[in-house]
C-alpha atoms as a PDB file:
ATOM      1  CA  UNK A   1       5.433-237.345  71.661  1.00  0.00           C
ATOM      2  CA  UNK A   2       9.244-238.200  72.083  1.00  0.00           C
ATOM      3  CA  UNK A   3      11.089-241.181  70.690  1.00  0.00           C
ATOM      4  CA  UNK A   4      14.540-242.420  71.144  1.00  0.00           C
ATOM      5  CA  UNK A   5      14.655-243.404  67.419  1.00  0.00           C
ATOM      6  CA  UNK A   6      17.507-241.927  65.287  1.00  0.00           C
ATOM      7  CA  UNK A   7      16.545-239.418  62.714  1.00  0.00           C
ATOM      8  CA  UNK A   8      17.467-241.777  60.025  1.00  0.00           C
ATOM      9  CA  UNK A   9      17.987-245.416  60.124  1.00  0.00           C
ATOM     10  CA  UNK A  10      21.653-246.374  59.096  1.00  0.00           C
ATOM     11  CA  UNK A  11      21.724-248.346  55.912  1.00  0.00           C
ATOM     12  CA  UNK A  12      24.137-251.312  55.584  1.00  0.00           C
ATOM     13  CA  UNK A  13      26.847-251.034  53.123  1.00  0.00           C
ATOM     14  CA  UNK A  14      25.787-252.994  50.329  1.00  0.00           C
ATOM     15  CA  UNK A  15      29.018-252.474  48.039  1.00  0.00           C
ATOM     16  CA  UNK A  16      30.137-256.168  48.668  1.00  0.00           C
ATOM     17  CA  UNK A  17      26.855-257.520  47.444  1.00  0.00           C
ATOM     18  CA  UNK A  18      26.596-255.203  44.237  1.00  0.00           C
ATOM     19  CA  UNK A  19      30.112-255.971  43.576  1.00  0.00           C
ATOM     20  CA  UNK A  20      29.842-259.641  43.712  1.00  0.00           C
ATOM     21  CA  UNK A  21      26.660-259.408  41.546  1.00  0.00           C
ATOM     22  CA  UNK A  22      28.624-257.431  38.910  1.00  0.00           C
ATOM     23  CA  UNK A  23      31.290-259.913  38.843  1.00  0.00           C
ATOM     24  CA  UNK A  24      28.834-262.588  38.346  1.00  0.00           C
ATOM     25  CA  UNK A  25      26.942-260.942  35.499  1.00  0.00           C
ATOM     26  CA  UNK A  26      29.790-259.461  33.740  1.00  0.00           C
ATOM     27  CA  UNK A  27      32.325-262.344  33.948  1.00  0.00           C
ATOM     28  CA  UNK A  28      29.855-264.948  33.793  1.00  0.00           C
ATOM     29  CA  UNK A  29      31.155-266.501  37.209  1.00  0.00           C
ATOM     30  CA  UNK A  30      28.794-269.021  39.051  1.00  0.00           C
ATOM     31  CA  UNK A  31      27.558-268.063  42.408  1.00  0.00           C
ATOM     32  CA  UNK A  32      29.699-270.475  44.060  1.00  0.00           C
ATOM     33  CA  UNK A  33      32.785-268.764  42.615  1.00  0.00           C
ATOM     34  CA  UNK A  34      31.538-265.402  43.625  1.00  0.00           C
ATOM     35  CA  UNK A  35      30.772-266.228  47.063  1.00  0.00           C
ATOM     36  CA  UNK A  36      34.282-267.752  47.518  1.00  0.00           C
ATOM     37  CA  UNK A  37      35.939-264.491  46.554  1.00  0.00           C
ATOM     38  CA  UNK A  38      37.727-262.857  49.796  1.00  0.00           C
ATOM     39  CA  UNK A  39      39.965-259.926  50.290  1.00  0.00           C
ATOM     40  CA  UNK A  40      42.886-261.586  48.682  1.00  0.00           C
ATOM     41  CA  UNK A  41      41.325-263.271  45.824  1.00  0.00           C
ATOM     42  CA  UNK A  42      43.149-262.328  42.742  1.00  0.00           C
ATOM     43  CA  UNK A  43      41.228-260.958  39.933  1.00  0.00           C
ATOM     44  CA  UNK A  44      42.830-259.237  36.815  1.00  0.00           C
ATOM     45  CA  UNK A  45      45.623-261.722  35.884  1.00  0.00           C
ATOM     46  CA  UNK A  46      44.080-264.582  37.953  1.00  0.00           C
ATOM     47  CA  UNK A  47      40.691-265.344  36.562  1.00  0.00           C
ATOM     48  CA  UNK A  48      40.715-266.272  33.106  1.00  0.00           C
ATOM     49  CA  UNK A  49      37.312-264.293  32.407  1.00  0.00           C
ATOM     50  CA  UNK A  50      38.601-261.238  33.784  1.00  0.00           C
ATOM     51  CA  UNK A  51      40.967-260.053  30.931  1.00  0.00           C
ATOM     52  CA  UNK A  52      41.459-256.678  29.292  1.00  0.00           C
ATOM     53  CA  UNK A  53      38.346-256.760  27.313  1.00  0.00           C
ATOM     54  CA  UNK A  54      36.334-257.575  30.437  1.00  0.00           C
ATOM     55  CA  UNK A  55      37.582-254.423  32.366  1.00  0.00           C
ATOM     56  CA  UNK A  56      35.812-251.847  30.390  1.00  0.00           C
ATOM     57  CA  UNK A  57      32.668-254.040  31.028  1.00  0.00           C
ATOM     58  CA  UNK A  58      32.999-254.370  34.452  1.00  0.00           C
ATOM     59  CA  UNK A  59      33.886-250.613  35.105  1.00  0.00           C
ATOM     60  CA  UNK A  60      30.783-249.582  33.044  1.00  0.00           C
ATOM     61  CA  UNK A  61      28.652-251.863  35.345  1.00  0.00           C
ATOM     62  CA  UNK A  62      30.158-250.636  38.656  1.00  0.00           C
ATOM     63  CA  UNK A  63      29.664-246.871  37.372  1.00  0.00           C
ATOM     64  CA  UNK A  64      25.904-247.622  36.656  1.00  0.00           C
ATOM     65  CA  UNK A  65      25.028-249.778  39.628  1.00  0.00           C
ATOM     66  CA  UNK A  66      26.997-247.950  42.071  1.00  0.00           C
ATOM     67  CA  UNK A  67      26.108-244.295  40.686  1.00  0.00           C
ATOM     68  CA  UNK A  68      29.870-243.184  40.665  1.00  0.00           C
ATOM     69  CA  UNK A  69      32.161-242.040  37.945  1.00  0.00           C
ATOM     70  CA  UNK A  70      35.397-243.686  37.673  1.00  0.00           C
ATOM     71  CA  UNK A  71      38.217-241.429  35.856  1.00  0.00           C
ATOM     72  CA  UNK A  72      40.549-243.000  33.528  1.00  0.00           C
ATOM     73  CA  UNK A  73      43.415-241.829  35.667  1.00  0.00           C
ATOM     74  CA  UNK A  74      42.163-243.845  38.728  1.00  0.00           C
ATOM     75  CA  UNK A  75      42.108-247.068  36.947  1.00  0.00           C
ATOM     76  CA  UNK A  76      45.278-249.025  37.570  1.00  0.00           C
ATOM     77  CA  UNK A  77      46.667-252.672  38.029  1.00  0.00           C
ATOM     78  CA  UNK A  78      46.553-252.368  41.673  1.00  0.00           C
ATOM     79  CA  UNK A  79      42.989-251.560  41.852  1.00  0.00           C
ATOM     80  CA  UNK A  80      42.081-254.401  39.663  1.00  0.00           C
ATOM     81  CA  UNK A  81      44.473-257.208  41.237  1.00  0.00           C
ATOM     82  CA  UNK A  82      42.520-258.483  44.094  1.00  0.00           C
ATOM     83  CA  UNK A  83      38.708-258.396  45.097  1.00  0.00           C
ATOM     84  CA  UNK A  84      39.589-256.542  48.235  1.00  0.00           C
ATOM     85  CA  UNK A  85      41.574-253.838  46.292  1.00  0.00           C
ATOM     86  CA  UNK A  86      38.419-253.228  43.976  1.00  0.00           C
ATOM     87  CA  UNK A  87      35.984-253.420  47.057  1.00  0.00           C
ATOM     88  CA  UNK A  88      38.101-250.714  48.899  1.00  0.00           C
ATOM     89  CA  UNK A  89      38.017-248.734  45.587  1.00  0.00           C
ATOM     90  CA  UNK A  90      34.210-248.902  44.828  1.00  0.00           C
ATOM     91  CA  UNK A  91      33.495-248.192  48.565  1.00  0.00           C
ATOM     92  CA  UNK A  92      35.716-245.279  48.816  1.00  0.00           C
ATOM     93  CA  UNK A  93      34.234-243.951  45.626  1.00  0.00           C
ATOM     94  CA  UNK A  94      30.549-244.419  46.979  1.00  0.00           C
ATOM     95  CA  UNK A  95      31.585-242.541  50.203  1.00  0.00           C
ATOM     96  CA  UNK A  96      32.599-239.748  48.170  1.00  0.00           C
ATOM     97  CA  UNK A  97      28.871-238.988  46.835  1.00  0.00           C
END
């Protein structure tokens, strides 16, 4: 019997959902604040909860929940400046695997 179904069912990219959950959990942000984040929303230097102490916790959670490895030399201010930049970085790292 032949079917027209694809061999694998494409999965939606859940990076945005995971990243929002991490920001909520690590920074203690409300669901409403997390839902309001868009590509240009400022993070490091803009959210008082996201200080230098929170960076390590955030990156550790991203590595754990997204099953990626973030090298020290990949971490810079641009990556952490906006939600869009962080989402782009994490999405690219997940695509490498």
